[in-house]
């Protein structure tokens, strides 16, 4: 166990997890799963929500049926 990972933030561990060094990736994943198990959270990977951002409108799909065919609902 690499004790240096105990001082790293969640964001830093996530960056290491997607890196190139396989041994560090394994230790970072182990530390992330350990933190999940004990409920540790430093907030650096929290999702940032912008209240002023525009929302996407869902497009409704309208089906056209052949004449004389009733849709099954």
Protein backbone atom coordinates (compact mmCIF):
# COMPACT_ATOMS: atom_id res chain seq x y z
CA UNK A 1 0.00 0.00 0.00
CA UNK A 2 1.34 3.38 -1.03
CA UNK A 3 0.71 5.81 1.83
CA UNK A 4 1.13 8.79 -0.50
CA UNK A 5 -2.37 8.06 -1.84
CA UNK A 6 -3.88 8.87 1.57
CA UNK A 7 -2.96 12.55 1.11
CA UNK A 8 -4.26 12.82 -2.46
CA UNK A 9 -7.64 14.39 -3.17
CA UNK A 10 -10.43 12.52 -4.92
CA UNK A 11 -9.76 14.57 -8.06
CA UNK A 12 -6.06 13.65 -8.08
CA UNK A 13 -6.89 9.97 -7.60
CA UNK A 14 -9.31 10.13 -10.51
CA UNK A 15 -6.60 11.68 -12.71
CA UNK A 16 -4.17 8.90 -11.73
CA UNK A 17 -6.86 6.30 -12.38
CA UNK A 18 -7.08 7.37 -16.03
CA UNK A 19 -3.29 7.61 -16.46
CA UNK A 20 -0.75 5.32 -18.12
CA UNK A 21 1.12 3.70 -15.20
CA UNK A 22 -0.67 0.40 -14.52
CA UNK A 23 0.66 -0.10 -10.99
CA UNK A 24 -0.45 3.41 -9.97
CA UNK A 25 -3.85 2.86 -11.60
CA UNK A 26 -4.40 -0.26 -9.51
CA UNK A 27 -3.43 1.49 -6.27
CA UNK A 28 -5.58 4.53 -7.10
CA UNK A 29 -8.61 2.30 -7.75
CA UNK A 30 -7.97 0.48 -4.49
CA UNK A 31 -7.82 3.78 -2.58
CA UNK A 32 -11.00 5.03 -4.28
CA UNK A 33 -12.86 1.84 -3.33
CA UNK A 34 -11.51 2.07 0.24
CA UNK A 35 -12.79 5.63 0.54
CA UNK A 36 -16.20 4.56 -0.77
CA UNK A 37 -16.34 1.77 1.82
CA UNK A 38 -15.64 4.11 4.74
CA UNK A 39 -17.73 6.99 3.36
CA UNK A 40 -14.87 9.44 2.89
CA UNK A 41 -15.61 12.38 0.56
CA UNK A 42 -13.58 15.57 0.14
CA UNK A 43 -15.87 17.16 -2.43
CA UNK A 44 -13.32 17.68 -5.20
CA UNK A 45 -15.23 15.38 -7.57
CA UNK A 46 -18.63 16.98 -6.84
CA UNK A 47 -20.77 17.81 -9.85
CA UNK A 48 -21.01 21.55 -10.47
CA UNK A 49 -24.49 22.65 -11.55
CA UNK A 50 -25.00 25.98 -13.32
CA UNK A 51 -28.48 27.33 -12.59
CA UNK A 52 -28.26 29.82 -15.45
CA UNK A 53 -27.48 27.22 -18.13
CA UNK A 54 -30.12 26.62 -20.76
CA UNK A 55 -31.95 23.33 -20.60
CA UNK A 56 -32.33 21.14 -23.64
CA UNK A 57 -35.90 20.64 -24.81
CA UNK A 58 -36.85 17.06 -25.53
CA UNK A 59 -37.92 16.44 -29.08
CA UNK A 60 -41.21 14.63 -29.35
CA UNK A 61 -41.50 11.96 -32.00
CA UNK A 62 -44.74 11.90 -33.91
CA UNK A 63 -45.60 8.65 -35.62
CA UNK A 64 -47.48 8.60 -38.90
CA UNK A 65 -49.63 5.53 -39.48
CA UNK A 66 -50.90 4.19 -42.75
CA UNK A 67 -54.47 5.14 -43.63
CA UNK A 68 -57.05 2.87 -42.07
CA UNK A 69 -54.65 1.47 -39.43
CA UNK A 70 -55.40 2.24 -35.82
CA UNK A 71 -52.46 2.69 -33.44
CA UNK A 72 -52.06 0.16 -30.62
CA UNK A 73 -51.74 1.94 -27.30
